[in-house]
Amino acid sequence: MTDTLSILGQAIPSANTITTLYTVPAATSTTVSSLTVCNQSASSCTFNISVAVAGAADTPKQYIYYELFLDGNDTFIATIGISMATTDVMRCFSTNASTSFNLFGVQIT
């Protein structure tokens, strides 16, 4: 097995649009180590993060952060250990189009 430290995903989704941040590749498992959410607007926003097993359609049970408030020009940082299997998907959402999402972790092949 090979462990590869990686920037797993980066996105700036359109406002009010659920966007795929990361999909675990075939024959790979992943441990997410940290997530940053940066509101680059002077106005506040809220954001969501969800994890879908095998890329399942969006449902409420998948959300790990929901409508979390973020001040303007502020950054949220989560140091978390999320285990993801092949084809699992992490999605992001923001109420503005000026919020960047960055995901970091280890891919195991």
PDB file of N, CA and C in Angstrom:
ATOM      1  N   MET A   1       0.837  -1.186   0.000  1.00  0.00           N
ATOM      2  CA  MET A   1       0.000   0.000   0.000  1.00  0.00           C
ATOM      3  C   MET A   1       0.879   1.246   0.000  1.00  0.00           C
ATOM      4  N   THR A   2       0.420   2.247  -0.729  1.00  0.00           N
ATOM      5  CA  THR A   2       1.135   3.503  -0.813  1.00  0.00           C
ATOM      6  C   THR A   2       0.258   4.622  -0.271  1.00  0.00           C
ATOM      7  N   ASP A   3       0.818   5.423   0.633  1.00  0.00           N
ATOM      8  CA  ASP A   3       0.125   6.587   1.178  1.00  0.00           C
ATOM      9  C   ASP A   3       0.636   7.834   0.465  1.00  0.00           C
ATOM     10  N   THR A   4      -0.288   8.626  -0.055  1.00  0.00           N
ATOM     11  CA  THR A   4       0.082   9.844  -0.762  1.00  0.00           C
ATOM     12  C   THR A   4      -0.604  11.036  -0.110  1.00  0.00           C
ATOM     13  N   LEU A   5       0.188  11.929   0.496  1.00  0.00           N
ATOM     14  CA  LEU A   5      -0.353  13.157   1.065  1.00  0.00           C
ATOM     15  C   LEU A   5      -0.790  14.051  -0.081  1.00  0.00           C
ATOM     16  N   SER A   6      -1.992  14.625   0.025  1.00  0.00           N
ATOM     17  CA  SER A   6      -2.528  15.341  -1.124  1.00  0.00           C
ATOM     18  C   SER A   6      -3.412  16.520  -0.747  1.00  0.00           C
ATOM     19  N   ILE A   7      -3.478  17.478  -1.669  1.00  0.00           N
ATOM     20  CA  ILE A   7      -4.599  18.405  -1.692  1.00  0.00           C
ATOM     21  C   ILE A   7      -5.672  17.632  -2.443  1.00  0.00           C
ATOM     22  N   LEU A   8      -6.692  17.229  -1.736  1.00  0.00           N
ATOM     23  CA  LEU A   8      -7.692  16.344  -2.322  1.00  0.00           C
ATOM     24  C   LEU A   8      -8.676  17.082  -3.231  1.00  0.00           C
ATOM     25  N   GLY A   9      -8.974  18.317  -2.873  1.00  0.00           N
ATOM     26  CA  GLY A   9      -9.931  19.056  -3.679  1.00  0.00           C
ATOM     27  C   GLY A   9      -9.915  20.529  -3.372  1.00  0.00           C
ATOM     28  N   GLN A  10     -10.250  21.326  -4.372  1.00  0.00           N
ATOM     29  CA  GLN A  10     -10.379  22.773  -4.236  1.00  0.00           C
ATOM     30  C   GLN A  10     -11.561  23.209  -5.092  1.00  0.00           C
ATOM     31  N   ALA A  11     -12.405  24.093  -4.534  1.00  0.00           N
ATOM     32  CA  ALA A  11     -13.572  24.554  -5.296  1.00  0.00           C
ATOM     33  C   ALA A  11     -14.014  25.923  -4.800  1.00  0.00           C
ATOM     34  N   ILE A  12     -14.566  26.693  -5.723  1.00  0.00           N
ATOM     35  CA  ILE A  12     -15.325  27.905  -5.406  1.00  0.00           C
ATOM     36  C   ILE A  12     -16.654  27.739  -6.134  1.00  0.00           C
ATOM     37  N   PRO A  13     -17.649  27.168  -5.445  1.00  0.00           N
ATOM     38  CA  PRO A  13     -18.918  26.901  -6.125  1.00  0.00           C
ATOM     39  C   PRO A  13     -19.710  28.174  -6.406  1.00  0.00           C
ATOM     40  N   SER A  14     -20.563  28.105  -7.398  1.00  0.00           N
ATOM     41  CA  SER A  14     -21.521  29.172  -7.631  1.00  0.00           C
ATOM     42  C   SER A  14     -22.427  29.274  -6.410  1.00  0.00           C
ATOM     43  N   ALA A  15     -22.974  30.440  -6.168  1.00  0.00           N
ATOM     44  CA  ALA A  15     -23.853  30.635  -5.015  1.00  0.00           C
ATOM     45  C   ALA A  15     -25.025  29.657  -5.056  1.00  0.00           C
ATOM     46  N   ASN A  16     -25.328  29.083  -3.892  1.00  0.00           N
ATOM     47  CA  ASN A  16     -26.482  28.204  -3.714  1.00  0.00           C
ATOM     48  C   ASN A  16     -26.477  26.987  -4.641  1.00  0.00           C
ATOM     49  N   THR A  17     -25.270  26.462  -4.907  1.00  0.00           N
ATOM     50  CA  THR A  17     -25.124  25.303  -5.793  1.00  0.00           C
ATOM     51  C   THR A  17     -24.300  24.222  -5.107  1.00  0.00           C
ATOM     52  N   ILE A  18     -24.879  23.045  -4.933  1.00  0.00           N
ATOM     53  CA  ILE A  18     -24.131  21.920  -4.376  1.00  0.00           C
ATOM     54  C   ILE A  18     -23.087  21.499  -5.407  1.00  0.00           C
ATOM     55  N   THR A  19     -21.826  21.391  -4.948  1.00  0.00           N
ATOM     56  CA  THR A  19     -20.707  21.133  -5.852  1.00  0.00           C
ATOM     57  C   THR A  19     -19.849  20.009  -5.296  1.00  0.00           C
ATOM     58  N   THR A  20     -19.409  19.115  -6.146  1.00  0.00           N
ATOM     59  CA  THR A  20     -18.494  18.059  -5.712  1.00  0.00           C
ATOM     60  C   THR A  20     -17.128  18.665  -5.417  1.00  0.00           C
ATOM     61  N   LEU A  21     -16.658  18.438  -4.200  1.00  0.00           N
ATOM     62  CA  LEU A  21     -15.331  18.890  -3.793  1.00  0.00           C
ATOM     63  C   LEU A  21     -14.303  17.788  -4.030  1.00  0.00           C
ATOM     64  N   TYR A  22     -14.701  16.526  -3.789  1.00  0.00           N
ATOM     65  CA  TYR A  22     -13.758  15.415  -3.931  1.00  0.00           C
ATOM     66  C   TYR A  22     -14.521  14.108  -4.102  1.00  0.00           C
ATOM     67  N   THR A  23     -14.024  13.271  -5.000  1.00  0.00           N
ATOM     68  CA  THR A  23     -14.518  11.906  -5.171  1.00  0.00           C
ATOM     69  C   THR A  23     -13.337  10.970  -5.012  1.00  0.00           C
ATOM     70  N   VAL A  24     -13.470   9.957  -4.168  1.00  0.00           N
ATOM     71  CA  VAL A  24     -12.383   8.999  -3.966  1.00  0.00           C
ATOM     72  C   VAL A  24     -12.216   8.180  -5.241  1.00  0.00           C
ATOM     73  N   PRO A  25     -10.992   8.144  -5.796  1.00  0.00           N
ATOM     74  CA  PRO A  25     -10.749   7.392  -7.032  1.00  0.00           C
ATOM     75  C   PRO A  25     -10.907   5.874  -6.842  1.00  0.00           C
ATOM     76  N   ALA A  26     -10.998   5.174  -7.944  1.00  0.00           N
ATOM     77  CA  ALA A  26     -11.072   3.710  -7.941  1.00  0.00           C
ATOM     78  C   ALA A  26      -9.842   3.121  -7.263  1.00  0.00           C
ATOM     79  N   ALA A  27     -10.015   2.002  -6.602  1.00  0.00           N
ATOM     80  CA  ALA A  27      -8.933   1.265  -5.935  1.00  0.00           C
ATOM     81  C   ALA A  27      -8.183   2.119  -4.916  1.00  0.00           C
ATOM     82  N   THR A  28      -8.881   3.040  -4.296  1.00  0.00           N
ATOM     83  CA  THR A  28      -8.265   3.978  -3.351  1.00  0.00           C
ATOM     84  C   THR A  28      -9.187   4.159  -2.152  1.00  0.00           C
ATOM     85  N   SER A  29      -8.603   4.353  -0.987  1.00  0.00           N
ATOM     86  CA  SER A  29      -9.345   4.846   0.173  1.00  0.00           C
ATOM     87  C   SER A  29      -8.651   6.129   0.612  1.00  0.00           C
ATOM     88  N   THR A  30      -9.365   6.946   1.359  1.00  0.00           N
ATOM     89  CA  THR A  30      -8.834   8.256   1.710  1.00  0.00           C
ATOM     90  C   THR A  30      -9.134   8.577   3.166  1.00  0.00           C
ATOM     91  N   THR A  31      -8.179   9.213   3.820  1.00  0.00           N
ATOM     92  CA  THR A  31      -8.409   9.787   5.137  1.00  0.00           C
ATOM     93  C   THR A  31      -8.281  11.294   4.999  1.00  0.00           C
ATOM     94  N   VAL A  32      -9.378  11.991   5.263  1.00  0.00           N
ATOM     95  CA  VAL A  32      -9.389  13.449   5.214  1.00  0.00           C
ATOM     96  C   VAL A  32      -8.810  13.960   6.524  1.00  0.00           C
ATOM     97  N   SER A  33      -7.817  14.837   6.424  1.00  0.00           N
ATOM     98  CA  SER A  33      -7.208  15.380   7.641  1.00  0.00           C
ATOM     99  C   SER A  33      -7.716  16.763   7.991  1.00  0.00           C
ATOM    100  N   SER A  34      -7.968  17.600   6.979  1.00  0.00           N
ATOM    101  CA  SER A  34      -8.460  18.938   7.294  1.00  0.00           C
ATOM    102  C   SER A  34      -9.226  19.541   6.129  1.00  0.00           C
ATOM    103  N   LEU A  35     -10.081  20.477   6.502  1.00  0.00           N
ATOM    104  CA  LEU A  35     -10.932  21.196   5.570  1.00  0.00           C
ATOM    105  C   LEU A  35     -10.850  22.672   5.916  1.00  0.00           C
ATOM    106  N   THR A  36     -10.649  23.529   4.918  1.00  0.00           N
ATOM    107  CA  THR A  36     -10.724  24.966   5.138  1.00  0.00           C
ATOM    108  C   THR A  36     -11.816  25.541   4.254  1.00  0.00           C
ATOM    109  N   VAL A  37     -12.531  26.518   4.822  1.00  0.00           N
ATOM    110  CA  VAL A  37     -13.571  27.229   4.102  1.00  0.00           C
ATOM    111  C   VAL A  37     -13.270  28.707   4.287  1.00  0.00           C
ATOM    112  N   CYS A  38     -13.005  29.405   3.201  1.00  0.00           N
ATOM    113  CA  CYS A  38     -12.582  30.809   3.251  1.00  0.00           C
ATOM    114  C   CYS A  38     -13.610  31.697   2.548  1.00  0.00           C
ATOM    115  N   ASN A  39     -14.253  32.565   3.315  1.00  0.00           N
ATOM    116  CA  ASN A  39     -15.202  33.521   2.755  1.00  0.00           C
ATOM    117  C   ASN A  39     -14.422  34.749   2.292  1.00  0.00           C
ATOM    118  N   GLN A  40     -14.294  34.910   0.990  1.00  0.00           N
ATOM    119  CA  GLN A  40     -13.504  35.994   0.419  1.00  0.00           C
ATOM    120  C   GLN A  40     -14.333  37.252   0.167  1.00  0.00           C
ATOM    121  N   SER A  41     -15.549  37.252   0.649  1.00  0.00           N
ATOM    122  CA  SER A  41     -16.438  38.403   0.510  1.00  0.00           C
ATOM    123  C   SER A  41     -16.480  39.179   1.827  1.00  0.00           C
ATOM    124  N   ALA A  42     -16.790  40.452   1.766  1.00  0.00           N
ATOM    125  CA  ALA A  42     -16.964  41.255   2.980  1.00  0.00           C
ATOM    126  C   ALA A  42     -18.282  40.930   3.682  1.00  0.00           C
ATOM    127  N   SER A  43     -19.193  40.272   2.980  1.00  0.00           N
ATOM    128  CA  SER A  43     -20.492  39.889   3.538  1.00  0.00           C
ATOM    129  C   SER A  43     -20.440  38.477   4.108  1.00  0.00           C
ATOM    130  N   SER A  44     -21.210  38.227   5.142  1.00  0.00           N
ATOM    131  CA  SER A  44     -21.264  36.890   5.735  1.00  0.00           C
ATOM    132  C   SER A  44     -21.980  35.920   4.795  1.00  0.00           C
ATOM    133  N   CYS A  45     -21.799  34.631   5.076  1.00  0.00           N
ATOM    134  CA  CYS A  45     -22.461  33.582   4.311  1.00  0.00           C
ATOM    135  C   CYS A  45     -22.705  32.397   5.236  1.00  0.00           C
ATOM    136  N   THR A  46     -23.369  31.386   4.720  1.00  0.00           N
ATOM    137  CA  THR A  46     -23.430  30.092   5.387  1.00  0.00           C
ATOM    138  C   THR A  46     -22.937  29.046   4.397  1.00  0.00           C
ATOM    139  N   PHE A  47     -22.472  27.922   4.945  1.00  0.00           N
ATOM    140  CA  PHE A  47     -21.986  26.851   4.069  1.00  0.00           C
ATOM    141  C   PHE A  47     -22.398  25.498   4.592  1.00  0.00           C
ATOM    142  N   ASN A  48     -22.354  24.511   3.693  1.00  0.00           N
ATOM    143  CA  ASN A  48     -22.664  23.113   4.003  1.00  0.00           C
ATOM    144  C   ASN A  48     -21.547  22.223   3.496  1.00  0.00           C
ATOM    145  N   ILE A  49     -21.338  21.114   4.202  1.00  0.00           N
ATOM    146  CA  ILE A  49     -20.430  20.044   3.755  1.00  0.00           C
ATOM    147  C   ILE A  49     -21.173  18.726   3.958  1.00  0.00           C
ATOM    148  N   SER A  50     -21.166  17.879   2.937  1.00  0.00           N
ATOM    149  CA  SER A  50     -21.790  16.564   3.068  1.00  0.00           C
ATOM    150  C   SER A  50     -20.865  15.490   2.526  1.00  0.00           C
ATOM    151  N   VAL A  51     -21.091  14.260   3.001  1.00  0.00           N
ATOM    152  CA  VAL A  51     -20.330  13.096   2.535  1.00  0.00           C
ATOM    153  C   VAL A  51     -21.337  12.032   2.100  1.00  0.00           C
ATOM    154  N   ALA A  52     -21.253  11.644   0.831  1.00  0.00           N
ATOM    155  CA  ALA A  52     -22.192  10.678   0.265  1.00  0.00           C
ATOM    156  C   ALA A  52     -21.484   9.352   0.013  1.00  0.00           C
ATOM    157  N   VAL A  53     -21.979   8.309   0.626  1.00  0.00           N
ATOM    158  CA  VAL A  53     -21.433   6.976   0.408  1.00  0.00           C
ATOM    159  C   VAL A  53     -21.688   6.586  -1.046  1.00  0.00           C
ATOM    160  N   ALA A  54     -20.624   6.185  -1.738  1.00  0.00           N
ATOM    161  CA  ALA A  54     -20.687   5.725  -3.129  1.00  0.00           C
ATOM    162  C   ALA A  54     -21.386   6.727  -4.043  1.00  0.00           C
ATOM    163  N   GLY A  55     -21.247   8.019  -3.722  1.00  0.00           N
ATOM    164  CA  GLY A  55     -21.806   9.059  -4.579  1.00  0.00           C
ATOM    165  C   GLY A  55     -23.318   9.110  -4.601  1.00  0.00           C
ATOM    166  N   ALA A  56     -23.962   8.637  -3.539  1.00  0.00           N
ATOM    167  CA  ALA A  56     -25.423   8.625  -3.472  1.00  0.00           C
ATOM    168  C   ALA A  56     -25.993  10.022  -3.661  1.00  0.00           C
ATOM    169  N   ALA A  57     -27.235  10.088  -4.090  1.00  0.00           N
ATOM    170  CA  ALA A  57     -27.930  11.367  -4.240  1.00  0.00           C
ATOM    171  C   ALA A  57     -27.968  12.098  -2.896  1.00  0.00           C
ATOM    172  N   ASP A  58     -28.018  13.422  -2.948  1.00  0.00           N
ATOM    173  CA  ASP A  58     -28.003  14.269  -1.763  1.00  0.00           C
ATOM    174  C   ASP A  58     -29.209  14.002  -0.856  1.00  0.00           C
ATOM    175  N   THR A  59     -28.930  13.725   0.431  1.00  0.00           N
ATOM    176  CA  THR A  59     -29.977  13.557   1.445  1.00  0.00           C
ATOM    177  C   THR A  59     -29.515  14.194   2.750  1.00  0.00           C
ATOM    178  N   PRO A  60     -30.439  14.564   3.648  1.00  0.00           N
ATOM    179  CA  PRO A  60     -30.071  15.236   4.889  1.00  0.00           C
ATOM    180  C   PRO A  60     -29.097  14.447   5.779  1.00  0.00           C
ATOM    181  N   LYS A  61     -29.139  13.125   5.762  1.00  0.00           N
ATOM    182  CA  LYS A  61     -28.272  12.333   6.647  1.00  0.00           C
ATOM    183  C   LYS A  61     -26.782  12.460   6.328  1.00  0.00           C
ATOM    184  N   GLN A  62     -26.439  13.000   5.154  1.00  0.00           N
ATOM    185  CA  GLN A  62     -25.040  13.092   4.727  1.00  0.00           C
ATOM    186  C   GLN A  62     -24.306  14.311   5.284  1.00  0.00           C
ATOM    187  N   TYR A  63     -25.011  15.275   5.852  1.00  0.00           N
ATOM    188  CA  TYR A  63     -24.394  16.557   6.210  1.00  0.00           C
ATOM    189  C   TYR A  63     -23.585  16.479   7.493  1.00  0.00           C
ATOM    190  N   ILE A  64     -22.338  16.953   7.407  1.00  0.00           N
ATOM    191  CA  ILE A  64     -21.504  17.065   8.602  1.00  0.00           C
ATOM    192  C   ILE A  64     -21.422  18.513   9.077  1.00  0.00           C
ATOM    193  N   TYR A  65     -21.691  19.464   8.178  1.00  0.00           N
ATOM    194  CA  TYR A  65     -21.873  20.882   8.512  1.00  0.00           C
ATOM    195  C   TYR A  65     -23.056  21.366   7.696  1.00  0.00           C
ATOM    196  N   TYR A  66     -23.985  22.057   8.360  1.00  0.00           N
ATOM    197  CA  TYR A  66     -25.180  22.529   7.661  1.00  0.00           C
ATOM    198  C   TYR A  66     -25.508  23.948   8.101  1.00  0.00           C
ATOM    199  N   GLU A  67     -25.571  24.839   7.129  1.00  0.00           N
ATOM    200  CA  GLU A  67     -25.863  26.248   7.353  1.00  0.00           C
ATOM    201  C   GLU A  67     -24.980  26.844   8.453  1.00  0.00           C
ATOM    202  N   LEU A  68     -23.698  26.479   8.405  1.00  0.00           N
ATOM    203  CA  LEU A  68     -22.737  27.023   9.363  1.00  0.00           C
ATOM    204  C   LEU A  68     -22.408  28.452   8.946  1.00  0.00           C
ATOM    205  N   PHE A  69     -22.556  29.394   9.869  1.00  0.00           N
ATOM    206  CA  PHE A  69     -22.348  30.818   9.607  1.00  0.00           C
ATOM    207  C   PHE A  69     -20.858  31.123   9.519  1.00  0.00           C
ATOM    208  N   LEU A  70     -20.487  31.953   8.539  1.00  0.00           N
ATOM    209  CA  LEU A  70     -19.100  32.380   8.382  1.00  0.00           C
ATOM    210  C   LEU A  70     -19.090  33.875   8.094  1.00  0.00           C
ATOM    211  N   ASP A  71     -18.441  34.644   8.971  1.00  0.00           N
ATOM    212  CA  ASP A  71     -18.337  36.094   8.791  1.00  0.00           C
ATOM    213  C   ASP A  71     -17.632  36.425   7.484  1.00  0.00           C
ATOM    214  N   GLY A  72     -17.835  37.632   7.013  1.00  0.00           N
ATOM    215  CA  GLY A  72     -17.112  38.107   5.853  1.00  0.00           C
ATOM    216  C   GLY A  72     -15.620  38.136   6.124  1.00  0.00           C
ATOM    217  N   ASN A  73     -14.836  37.826   5.109  1.00  0.00           N
ATOM    218  CA  ASN A  73     -13.370  37.827   5.208  1.00  0.00           C
ATOM    219  C   ASN A  73     -12.853  36.968   6.358  1.00  0.00           C
ATOM    220  N   ASP A  74     -13.492  35.837   6.562  1.00  0.00           N
ATOM    221  CA  ASP A  74     -13.095  34.937   7.652  1.00  0.00           C
ATOM    222  C   ASP A  74     -12.880  33.530   7.087  1.00  0.00           C
ATOM    223  N   THR A  75     -12.181  32.699   7.864  1.00  0.00           N
ATOM    224  CA  THR A  75     -11.883  31.333   7.456  1.00  0.00           C
ATOM    225  C   THR A  75     -12.274  30.361   8.557  1.00  0.00           C
ATOM    226  N   PHE A  76     -12.897  29.262   8.166  1.00  0.00           N
ATOM    227  CA  PHE A  76     -13.244  28.155   9.054  1.00  0.00           C
ATOM    228  C   PHE A  76     -12.256  27.035   8.770  1.00  0.00           C
ATOM    229  N   ILE A  77     -11.697  26.442   9.825  1.00  0.00           N
ATOM    230  CA  ILE A  77     -10.754  25.335   9.666  1.00  0.00           C
ATOM    231  C   ILE A  77     -11.212  24.176  10.538  1.00  0.00           C
ATOM    232  N   ALA A  78     -11.347  23.005   9.936  1.00  0.00           N
ATOM    233  CA  ALA A  78     -11.704  21.794  10.672  1.00  0.00           C
ATOM    234  C   ALA A  78     -10.584  20.781  10.507  1.00  0.00           C
ATOM    235  N   THR A  79     -10.041  20.330  11.621  1.00  0.00           N
ATOM    236  CA  THR A  79      -9.072  19.238  11.615  1.00  0.00           C
ATOM    237  C   THR A  79      -9.844  17.997  12.031  1.00  0.00           C
ATOM    238  N   ILE A  80     -10.130  17.144  11.045  1.00  0.00           N
ATOM    239  CA  ILE A  80     -10.995  15.999  11.271  1.00  0.00           C
ATOM    240  C   ILE A  80     -10.417  14.776  10.585  1.00  0.00           C
ATOM    241  N   GLY A  81     -10.774  13.624  11.065  1.00  0.00           N
ATOM    242  CA  GLY A  81     -10.357  12.384  10.426  1.00  0.00           C
ATOM    243  C   GLY A  81     -11.583  11.695   9.863  1.00  0.00           C
ATOM    244  N   ILE A  82     -11.814  11.856   8.585  1.00  0.00           N
ATOM    245  CA  ILE A  82     -12.944  11.206   7.929  1.00  0.00           C
ATOM    246  C   ILE A  82     -12.390  10.123   7.015  1.00  0.00           C
ATOM    247  N   SER A  83     -12.869   8.917   7.199  1.00  0.00           N
ATOM    248  CA  SER A  83     -12.464   7.810   6.334  1.00  0.00           C
ATOM    249  C   SER A  83     -13.445   7.696   5.186  1.00  0.00           C
ATOM    250  N   MET A  84     -12.919   7.667   3.982  1.00  0.00           N
ATOM    251  CA  MET A  84     -13.760   7.571   2.791  1.00  0.00           C
ATOM    252  C   MET A  84     -13.294   6.410   1.925  1.00  0.00           C
ATOM    253  N   ALA A  85     -14.254   5.700   1.352  1.00  0.00           N
ATOM    254  CA  ALA A  85     -13.956   4.544   0.500  1.00  0.00           C
ATOM    255  C   ALA A  85     -14.100   4.921  -0.968  1.00  0.00           C
ATOM    256  N   THR A  86     -13.680   4.016  -1.830  1.00  0.00           N
ATOM    257  CA  THR A  86     -13.781   4.224  -3.276  1.00  0.00           C
ATOM    258  C   THR A  86     -15.172   4.719  -3.652  1.00  0.00           C
ATOM    259  N   THR A  87     -15.239   5.742  -4.461  1.00  0.00           N
ATOM    260  CA  THR A  87     -16.432   6.404  -5.008  1.00  0.00           C
ATOM    261  C   THR A  87     -17.222   7.245  -4.008  1.00  0.00           C
ATOM    262  N   ASP A  88     -16.799   7.321  -2.737  1.00  0.00           N
ATOM    263  CA  ASP A  88     -17.459   8.238  -1.806  1.00  0.00           C
ATOM    264  C   ASP A  88     -17.200   9.669  -2.282  1.00  0.00           C
ATOM    265  N   VAL A  89     -18.150  10.561  -2.008  1.00  0.00           N
ATOM    266  CA  VAL A  89     -18.087  11.930  -2.517  1.00  0.00           C
ATOM    267  C   VAL A  89     -18.286  12.934  -1.381  1.00  0.00           C
ATOM    268  N   MET A  90     -17.430  13.956  -1.342  1.00  0.00           N
ATOM    269  CA  MET A  90     -17.636  15.084  -0.444  1.00  0.00           C
ATOM    270  C   MET A  90     -18.111  16.250  -1.292  1.00  0.00           C
ATOM    271  N   ARG A  91     -19.196  16.883  -0.824  1.00  0.00           N
ATOM    272  CA  ARG A  91     -19.779  18.009  -1.547  1.00  0.00           C
ATOM    273  C   ARG A  91     -19.749  19.265  -0.684  1.00  0.00           C
ATOM    274  N   CYS A  92     -19.746  20.423  -1.358  1.00  0.00           N
ATOM    275  CA  CYS A  92     -19.741  21.693  -0.646  1.00  0.00           C
ATOM    276  C   CYS A  92     -20.819  22.609  -1.221  1.00  0.00           C
ATOM    277  N   PHE A  93     -21.170  23.636  -0.450  1.00  0.00           N
ATOM    278  CA  PHE A  93     -22.228  24.566  -0.825  1.00  0.00           C
ATOM    279  C   PHE A  93     -22.002  25.852  -0.046  1.00  0.00           C
ATOM    280  N   SER A  94     -22.251  26.988  -0.670  1.00  0.00           N
ATOM    281  CA  SER A  94     -22.172  28.276   0.007  1.00  0.00           C
ATOM    282  C   SER A  94     -23.265  29.192  -0.521  1.00  0.00           C
ATOM    283  N   THR A  95     -23.685  30.114   0.327  1.00  0.00           N
ATOM    284  CA  THR A  95     -24.713  31.060  -0.092  1.00  0.00           C
ATOM    285  C   THR A  95     -24.143  32.231  -0.880  1.00  0.00           C
ATOM    286  N   ASN A  96     -22.831  32.278  -1.066  1.00  0.00           N
ATOM    287  CA  ASN A  96     -22.246  33.283  -1.965  1.00  0.00           C
ATOM    288  C   ASN A  96     -21.287  32.598  -2.935  1.00  0.00           C
ATOM    289  N   ALA A  97     -20.852  33.320  -3.945  1.00  0.00           N
ATOM    290  CA  ALA A  97     -19.947  32.760  -4.955  1.00  0.00           C
ATOM    291  C   ALA A  97     -18.503  33.164  -4.694  1.00  0.00           C
ATOM    292  N   SER A  98     -18.208  33.532  -3.456  1.00  0.00           N
ATOM    293  CA  SER A  98     -16.862  33.987  -3.088  1.00  0.00           C
ATOM    294  C   SER A  98     -16.280  33.168  -1.945  1.00  0.00           C
ATOM    295  N   THR A  99     -16.721  31.936  -1.816  1.00  0.00           N
ATOM    296  CA  THR A  99     -16.243  31.068  -0.742  1.00  0.00           C
ATOM    297  C   THR A  99     -15.436  29.929  -1.348  1.00  0.00           C
ATOM    298  N   SER A 100     -14.182  29.790  -0.896  1.00  0.00           N
ATOM    299  CA  SER A 100     -13.332  28.706  -1.394  1.00  0.00           C
ATOM    300  C   SER A 100     -13.260  27.581  -0.371  1.00  0.00           C
ATOM    301  N   PHE A 101     -13.231  26.371  -0.884  1.00  0.00           N
ATOM    302  CA  PHE A 101     -13.150  25.159  -0.081  1.00  0.00           C
ATOM    303  C   PHE A 101     -11.869  24.422  -0.467  1.00  0.00           C
ATOM    304  N   ASN A 102     -11.086  24.022   0.533  1.00  0.00           N
ATOM    305  CA  ASN A 102      -9.857  23.256   0.297  1.00  0.00           C
ATOM    306  C   ASN A 102      -9.863  22.041   1.216  1.00  0.00           C
ATOM    307  N   LEU A 103      -9.579  20.881   0.651  1.00  0.00           N
ATOM    308  CA  LEU A 103      -9.608  19.619   1.381  1.00  0.00           C
ATOM    309  C   LEU A 103      -8.242  18.956   1.290  1.00  0.00           C
ATOM    310  N   PHE A 104      -7.740  18.486   2.438  1.00  0.00           N
ATOM    311  CA  PHE A 104      -6.415  17.887   2.522  1.00  0.00           C
ATOM    312  C   PHE A 104      -6.497  16.520   3.173  1.00  0.00           C
ATOM    313  N   GLY A 105      -5.614  15.612   2.782  1.00  0.00           N
ATOM    314  CA  GLY A 105      -5.619  14.293   3.398  1.00  0.00           C
ATOM    315  C   GLY A 105      -4.626  13.343   2.760  1.00  0.00           C
ATOM    316  N   VAL A 106      -4.889  12.056   2.972  1.00  0.00           N
ATOM    317  CA  VAL A 106      -4.012  10.988   2.501  1.00  0.00           C
ATOM    318  C   VAL A 106      -4.832  10.016   1.650  1.00  0.00           C
ATOM    319  N   GLN A 107      -4.336   9.749   0.445  1.00  0.00           N
ATOM    320  CA  GLN A 107      -4.924   8.722  -0.405  1.00  0.00           C
ATOM    321  C   GLN A 107      -4.101   7.445  -0.236  1.00  0.00           C
ATOM    322  N   ILE A 108      -4.809   6.332  -0.053  1.00  0.00           N
ATOM    323  CA  ILE A 108      -4.153   5.050   0.175  1.00  0.00           C
ATOM    324  C   ILE A 108      -4.507   4.131  -1.002  1.00  0.00           C
ATOM    325  N   THR A 109      -3.443   3.699  -1.719  1.00  0.00           N
ATOM    326  CA  THR A 109      -3.662   2.830  -2.876  1.00  0.00           C
ATOM    327  C   THR A 109      -2.925   1.507  -2.691  1.00  0.00           C
TER     328      THR A 109
END
